[in-house]
Amino acid sequence: MSNPFFSIVIVNYNAGAMLTNVMSTLSKQTYKNFEVIVVDNNSQDNSWRAAENLPFSCQLVRLSNNTGFASANNLAVKDHVKGEWLFLLNPDAYPEPECLEEIIKNINRIPNVDCFACALIDANKPSRLDGLGDTYHISGLHWRTGHGYPCDITPKHPIEIFSACAAAAIYRTETFRQLGGFDETYFAYSEDVDLGFRLRLIGGKSLLLPNAKVHHVGSGITGSSSDFSVYHGHRNLTWTFIKNMPSPLIFIFLPIHLAMIFYVGFFYAASGRFGLYLQAKIDAFQQIGSLLEQRKKIQSRRICSCISLLQMMVWSPRKAFIKASTKQKNTTY
């Protein structure tokens, strides 16, 4: 396809039948002007064959080793994407038939936004949410807003969120490239929050599209509480905090971040996984020199005020924020 509007990028690694399910949902989309790029991170289960002989344009890129989620997406955007808009989709995320049509409707209606998030529904419990975008706490913790809550808390209209969950996120391709894409040192986990943070610092914003629905298995490949997810998740969230939190906020919130590290460590100690958690934090702070160099570049581009940033961060526990979001405290569109 010479001029697709959407380039849908799927990074696959031993996804099994889930990749076949994704391709089935894409074939049923009511909006057809899209291409698909599947980057296979050296899968050993032949799941990549689901990207062959499809009724729509699909390019399969097979890699000789597992480069990670961040790097594989960047490779696709650098060398293969042709669309004006980039739709990142996990192999365990299944868009409803009107999903692309709903996205393009809002892109045309709200022209000055560079990132949109789909409403994620728990694929195993369709009455429950998997997430309504990502929330960022002043401590550096972040989570999917509304995860596990009933679907009826979903707002009626698009609202501004801190960042989009890359299980089903839409970025203006030019903006994604200008930001340098995902930080490839992350390998996986938190790279979407980091990108959303950097987008916000240069004056961009992310919107949740409540009617662009995607059913998400969630950690269908790595496991929701695997050693892999714990290590990369907790290492990377500290990297995100150090790189992106602007001065003077970093000096105000650093003690809170350190307190959070000890607080969360207590729970991992109680569950017998403190060694894994500790290693994640040691490895995070061992990269402080490189992080500070990245920080200089990121902060030199910042035009977002600290007040504007604070308005999109939360001080409250998860339940308190859920109550606020259901009242549509954030800006609606």
Protein backbone atom coordinates (compact mmCIF):
# COMPACT_ATOMS: atom_id res chain seq x y z
CA MET A 1 0.00 0.00 0.00
CA SER A 2 1.58 3.30 -1.11
CA ASN A 3 -0.19 5.82 1.14
CA PRO A 4 -1.77 4.16 4.18
CA PHE A 5 -3.18 6.44 6.84
CA PHE A 6 -2.34 4.05 9.68
CA SER A 7 0.75 1.92 10.05
CA ILE A 8 -0.08 -0.77 12.59
CA VAL A 9 3.08 -2.14 14.22
CA ILE A 10 2.95 -5.42 16.13
CA VAL A 11 6.03 -6.75 17.93
CA ASN A 12 5.76 -10.51 18.22
CA TYR A 13 7.63 -12.94 20.45
CA ASN A 14 6.24 -16.44 20.85
CA ALA A 15 2.68 -15.14 20.92
CA GLY A 16 1.15 -18.41 19.77
CA ALA A 17 -2.48 -18.21 18.67
CA MET A 18 -2.79 -14.64 19.98
CA LEU A 19 -1.14 -13.22 16.85
CA THR A 20 -3.63 -15.11 14.70
CA ASN A 21 -6.44 -13.57 16.74
CA VAL A 22 -5.05 -10.06 16.21
CA MET A 23 -4.92 -10.58 12.45
CA SER A 24 -8.51 -11.78 12.49
CA THR A 25 -9.68 -8.62 14.30
CA LEU A 26 -7.74 -6.40 11.87
CA SER A 27 -9.39 -8.09 8.89
CA LYS A 28 -12.77 -7.08 10.34
CA GLN A 29 -11.99 -3.37 10.73
CA THR A 30 -14.56 -1.09 9.13
CA TYR A 31 -11.78 1.35 8.17
CA LYS A 32 -9.42 -0.23 5.63
CA ASN A 33 -6.69 2.31 4.84
CA PHE A 34 -3.92 0.72 6.88
CA GLU A 35 -0.80 -1.36 6.57
CA VAL A 36 0.55 -3.81 9.14
CA ILE A 37 4.19 -4.37 10.03
CA VAL A 38 4.93 -7.40 12.20
CA VAL A 39 8.40 -7.41 13.73
CA ASP A 40 9.18 -10.88 15.01
CA ASN A 41 11.79 -11.01 17.79
CA ASN A 42 13.14 -14.45 16.83
CA SER A 43 10.08 -16.42 17.93
CA GLN A 44 10.58 -20.16 18.26
CA ASP A 45 6.91 -21.16 18.10
CA ASN A 46 6.17 -20.30 14.44
CA SER A 47 3.57 -17.75 15.58
CA TRP A 48 5.05 -15.36 12.99
CA ARG A 49 3.39 -17.40 10.25
CA ALA A 50 0.13 -15.67 11.18
CA ALA A 51 1.54 -12.61 9.35
CA GLU A 52 1.55 -14.44 6.00
CA ASN A 53 -1.15 -14.63 3.30
CA LEU A 54 -3.49 -12.02 4.75
CA PRO A 55 -6.31 -10.08 3.03
CA PHE A 56 -4.59 -6.75 3.84
CA SER A 57 -1.11 -5.31 3.40
CA CYS A 58 1.20 -6.94 5.95
CA GLN A 59 4.99 -6.85 6.03
CA LEU A 60 6.82 -9.42 8.13
CA VAL A 61 10.24 -8.49 9.51
CA ARG A 62 12.01 -11.42 11.15
CA LEU A 63 14.95 -10.70 13.45
CA SER A 64 17.76 -13.09 14.35
CA ASN A 65 17.53 -12.33 18.06
CA ASN A 66 15.15 -10.83 20.61
CA THR A 67 15.92 -7.11 20.55
CA GLY A 68 13.12 -6.16 22.95
CA PHE A 69 9.83 -4.32 22.55
CA ALA A 70 11.29 -0.81 22.39
CA SER A 71 13.96 -1.56 19.80
CA ALA A 72 11.68 -3.61 17.56
CA ASN A 73 9.10 -0.80 17.40
CA ASN A 74 11.81 1.75 16.63
CA LEU A 75 13.14 -0.44 13.83
CA ALA A 76 9.69 -0.65 12.27
CA VAL A 77 9.19 3.13 12.42
CA LYS A 78 12.67 3.86 11.08
CA ASP A 79 12.71 1.48 8.12
CA HIS A 80 9.22 0.26 7.28
CA VAL A 81 6.39 2.58 8.37
CA LYS A 82 4.70 4.63 5.62
CA GLY A 83 1.57 5.86 7.40
CA GLU A 84 0.89 9.34 8.70
CA TRP A 85 -0.20 7.80 11.99
CA LEU A 86 1.39 4.98 13.91
CA PHE A 87 -0.78 2.47 15.77
CA LEU A 88 1.23 0.31 18.16
CA LEU A 89 -0.64 -2.87 18.99
CA ASN A 90 0.39 -5.77 21.20
CA PRO A 91 -0.13 -9.31 19.88
CA ASP A 92 -2.51 -9.94 22.81
CA ALA A 93 -4.64 -6.85 22.07
CA TYR A 94 -7.75 -7.25 19.90
CA PRO A 95 -9.41 -4.11 18.46
CA GLU A 96 -13.17 -4.07 18.05
CA PRO A 97 -14.33 -3.69 14.39
CA GLU A 98 -15.02 0.07 14.66
CA CYS A 99 -11.77 0.86 16.49
CA LEU A 100 -9.82 2.42 13.61
CA GLU A 101 -12.88 4.28 12.40
CA GLU A 102 -13.35 5.78 15.87
CA ILE A 103 -9.69 6.81 16.01
CA ILE A 104 -9.72 8.59 12.65
CA LYS A 105 -12.93 10.38 13.56
CA ASN A 106 -11.22 11.90 16.58
CA ILE A 107 -7.97 12.65 14.74
CA ASN A 108 -9.99 14.74 12.29
CA ARG A 109 -12.03 16.37 15.05
CA ILE A 110 -9.12 17.15 17.40
CA PRO A 111 -6.23 18.15 15.11
CA ASN A 112 -3.62 19.38 17.61
CA VAL A 113 -3.04 16.16 19.53
CA ASP A 114 -0.11 13.85 18.78
CA CYS A 115 -1.06 10.79 20.86
CA PHE A 116 -4.27 8.88 21.51
CA ALA A 117 -4.95 5.91 23.77
CA CYS A 118 -7.54 3.19 23.28
CA ALA A 119 -9.81 2.02 26.08
CA LEU A 120 -8.45 -1.38 27.10
CA ILE A 121 -10.95 -4.02 28.18
CA ASP A 122 -9.90 -7.16 30.02
CA ALA A 123 -10.13 -9.88 27.35
CA ASN A 124 -10.79 -12.53 30.00
CA LYS A 125 -13.36 -10.46 31.94
CA PRO A 126 -15.17 -8.25 29.41
CA SER A 127 -17.11 -6.41 32.11
CA ARG A 128 -13.81 -5.16 33.58
CA LEU A 129 -11.24 -2.67 32.36
CA ASP A 130 -7.62 -3.42 31.65
CA GLY A 131 -6.87 0.29 31.59
CA LEU A 132 -7.80 3.83 30.51
CA GLY A 133 -4.35 5.17 29.73
CA ASP A 134 -1.50 5.57 32.19
CA THR A 135 -1.44 7.50 35.46
CA TYR A 136 1.80 9.00 36.81
CA HIS A 137 2.30 9.48 40.55
CA ILE A 138 4.63 12.09 42.03
CA SER A 139 6.75 9.28 43.50
CA GLY A 140 7.52 7.91 40.02
CA LEU A 141 5.12 5.00 40.28
CA HIS A 142 2.75 4.63 37.35
CA TRP A 143 -0.11 2.32 36.49
CA ARG A 144 -2.96 1.74 34.07
CA THR A 145 -5.85 3.90 35.17
CA GLY A 146 -8.94 1.89 36.04
CA HIS A 147 -7.25 -1.51 35.83
CA GLY A 148 -9.67 -4.11 37.20
CA TYR A 149 -12.53 -1.66 37.63
CA PRO A 150 -15.97 -2.07 36.00
CA CYS A 151 -16.22 -0.82 32.44
CA ASP A 152 -18.97 1.58 33.44
CA ILE A 153 -16.42 4.00 34.97
CA THR A 154 -15.23 4.75 31.42
CA PRO A 155 -15.81 8.44 30.59
CA LYS A 156 -18.33 9.30 27.88
CA HIS A 157 -16.01 11.64 25.97
CA PRO A 158 -12.28 11.83 25.24
CA ILE A 159 -10.24 13.06 28.21
CA GLU A 160 -6.63 14.04 28.66
CA ILE A 161 -4.43 11.42 30.30
CA PHE A 162 -0.78 11.43 31.33
CA SER A 163 0.31 8.93 28.68
CA ALA A 164 -0.95 6.14 26.45
CA CYS A 165 -0.40 2.47 27.17
CA ALA A 166 1.53 1.03 24.20
CA ALA A 167 -0.61 -2.11 24.17
CA ALA A 168 -2.84 -0.01 21.88
CA ALA A 169 -1.48 3.51 21.37
CA ILE A 170 -1.65 5.89 18.42
CA TYR A 171 1.11 8.42 17.69
CA ARG A 172 1.62 10.91 14.92
CA THR A 173 4.50 9.23 13.07
CA GLU A 174 6.47 12.45 12.60
CA THR A 175 6.22 13.24 16.32
CA PHE A 176 7.32 9.74 17.32
CA ARG A 177 10.40 10.14 15.14
CA GLN A 178 11.15 13.64 16.43
CA LEU A 179 11.12 12.29 19.98
CA GLY A 180 13.58 9.57 18.99
CA GLY A 181 11.04 6.81 19.58
CA PHE A 182 11.24 4.56 22.61
CA ASP A 183 14.35 4.43 24.79
CA GLU A 184 15.85 1.13 23.64
CA THR A 185 17.79 0.60 26.87
CA TYR A 186 14.44 -0.12 28.54
CA PHE A 187 14.04 -3.31 26.46
CA ALA A 188 10.44 -3.62 27.70
CA TYR A 189 8.12 -2.01 30.28
CA SER A 190 7.66 1.72 31.05
CA GLU A 191 8.96 2.77 27.63
CA ASP A 192 5.47 4.08 26.80
CA VAL A 193 5.27 6.18 29.98
CA ASP A 194 8.76 7.54 29.28
CA LEU A 195 7.74 8.51 25.74
CA GLY A 196 4.50 10.08 26.96
CA PHE A 197 6.43 12.04 29.59
CA ARG A 198 8.87 13.35 26.97
CA LEU A 199 5.96 14.26 24.68
CA ARG A 200 4.35 16.21 27.50
CA LEU A 201 7.58 18.07 28.27
CA ILE A 202 7.75 19.45 24.72
CA GLY A 203 4.16 20.66 24.96
CA GLY A 204 2.29 17.65 23.59
CA LYS A 205 -0.61 15.81 25.15
CA SER A 206 -2.27 12.41 25.13
CA LEU A 207 -6.01 11.74 24.95
CA LEU A 208 -8.03 8.69 25.86
CA LEU A 209 -10.62 7.67 23.25
CA PRO A 210 -13.26 5.80 25.26
CA ASN A 211 -15.05 4.44 22.18
CA ALA A 212 -11.88 3.08 20.54
CA LYS A 213 -12.07 -0.26 22.33
CA VAL A 214 -9.42 -2.95 22.43
CA HIS A 215 -9.68 -6.23 24.34
CA HIS A 216 -6.35 -6.90 26.02
CA VAL A 217 -5.16 -10.17 27.53
CA GLY A 218 -2.44 -8.30 29.45
CA SER A 219 1.10 -9.66 29.93
CA GLY A 220 0.11 -12.47 27.63
CA ILE A 221 3.76 -13.14 26.75
CA THR A 222 5.91 -12.12 29.73
CA GLY A 223 3.50 -12.82 32.60
CA SER A 224 1.96 -10.19 34.87
CA SER A 225 4.29 -10.83 37.82
CA SER A 226 7.19 -12.70 36.26
CA ASP A 227 10.78 -12.04 37.29
CA PHE A 228 11.22 -10.38 33.89
CA SER A 229 8.37 -7.92 34.42
CA VAL A 230 9.33 -7.13 38.03
CA TYR A 231 12.97 -6.46 37.17
CA HIS A 232 12.41 -4.35 34.05
CA GLY A 233 9.37 -2.57 35.46
CA HIS A 234 11.09 -1.35 38.62
CA ARG A 235 14.41 -0.58 36.99
CA ASN A 236 12.78 1.41 34.21
CA LEU A 237 10.42 3.45 36.36
CA THR A 238 13.41 4.90 38.22
CA TRP A 239 15.07 5.73 34.89
CA THR A 240 11.89 7.48 33.77
CA PHE A 241 11.75 9.57 36.95
CA ILE A 242 15.41 10.66 36.83
CA LYS A 243 15.41 11.52 33.12
CA ASN A 244 12.13 13.36 32.87
CA MET A 245 11.13 14.99 36.15
CA PRO A 246 12.05 18.66 35.64
CA SER A 247 13.77 20.96 38.08
CA PRO A 248 12.72 22.07 40.65
CA LEU A 249 10.19 19.20 40.91
CA ILE A 250 12.88 16.52 40.98
CA PHE A 251 14.39 18.05 44.13
CA ILE A 252 10.96 18.18 45.77
CA PHE A 253 9.91 14.65 44.80
CA LEU A 254 13.22 12.77 44.98
CA PRO A 255 12.77 12.06 48.73
CA ILE A 256 9.29 10.72 47.92
CA HIS A 257 10.73 8.56 45.16
CA LEU A 258 13.36 7.12 47.51
CA ALA A 259 10.73 6.51 50.19
CA MET A 260 8.61 4.69 47.60
CA ILE A 261 11.57 2.47 46.71
CA PHE A 262 11.95 1.36 50.33
CA TYR A 263 8.19 1.00 50.80
CA VAL A 264 7.76 -1.23 47.75
CA GLY A 265 10.91 -3.14 48.69
CA PHE A 266 9.27 -4.12 51.97
CA PHE A 267 6.50 -5.95 50.10
CA TYR A 268 8.96 -7.75 47.84
CA ALA A 269 10.95 -8.78 50.91
CA ALA A 270 7.78 -10.19 52.45
CA SER A 271 7.13 -12.23 49.30
CA GLY A 272 10.69 -13.56 49.08
CA ARG A 273 11.64 -11.59 45.96
CA PHE A 274 13.66 -8.77 47.50
CA GLY A 275 16.89 -9.85 45.77
CA LEU A 276 15.32 -9.41 42.34
CA TYR A 277 13.86 -6.03 43.28
CA LEU A 278 17.13 -4.86 44.83
CA GLN A 279 19.07 -5.82 41.70
CA ALA A 280 16.65 -3.78 39.58
CA LYS A 281 17.30 -0.68 41.70
CA ILE A 282 21.08 -1.23 41.82
CA ASP A 283 21.17 -1.53 38.04
CA ALA A 284 18.98 1.57 37.71
CA PHE A 285 21.27 3.80 39.76
CA GLN A 286 24.47 2.36 38.25
CA GLN A 287 23.46 4.14 35.03
CA ILE A 288 23.21 7.54 36.71
CA GLY A 289 25.91 9.10 34.50
CA SER A 290 24.16 8.14 31.29
CA LEU A 291 20.79 9.14 32.74
CA LEU A 292 22.01 12.61 33.62
CA GLU A 293 23.36 13.09 30.08
CA GLN A 294 19.97 12.08 28.66
CA ARG A 295 18.30 14.34 31.19
CA LYS A 296 20.22 17.38 29.89
CA LYS A 297 18.99 16.78 26.36
CA ILE A 298 15.40 16.10 27.43
CA GLN A 299 15.13 19.09 29.74
CA SER A 300 16.71 21.43 27.17
CA ARG A 301 13.63 20.86 24.98
CA ARG A 302 11.07 21.38 27.76
CA ILE A 303 8.42 24.03 27.23
CA CYS A 304 5.78 22.53 29.54
CA SER A 305 5.51 24.42 32.82
CA CYS A 306 5.87 22.65 36.14
CA ILE A 307 2.33 23.71 37.01
CA SER A 308 0.93 22.12 33.85
CA LEU A 309 2.85 18.94 34.56
CA LEU A 310 1.64 18.80 38.15
CA GLN A 311 -1.95 19.10 36.94
CA MET A 312 -1.52 15.82 35.08
CA MET A 313 0.26 13.98 37.88
CA VAL A 314 -1.45 12.54 40.95
CA TRP A 315 -0.75 12.76 44.66
CA SER A 316 -3.53 10.43 45.72
CA PRO A 317 -3.74 6.64 45.94
CA ARG A 318 -5.25 4.74 43.03
CA LYS A 319 -8.83 4.56 44.33
CA ALA A 320 -9.00 8.28 44.99
CA PHE A 321 -7.85 9.02 41.46
CA ILE A 322 -10.39 6.63 39.97
CA LYS A 323 -13.17 8.55 41.71
CA ALA A 324 -11.81 11.81 40.35
CA SER A 325 -11.47 10.48 36.81
CA THR A 326 -15.04 9.18 36.73
CA LYS A 327 -16.17 12.72 37.43
CA GLN A 328 -14.07 13.75 34.39
CA LYS A 329 -11.88 16.04 36.42
CA ASN A 330 -9.45 16.24 33.50
CA THR A 331 -10.08 18.28 30.37
CA THR A 332 -12.72 16.78 28.07
CA TYR A 333 -12.88 17.11 24.31
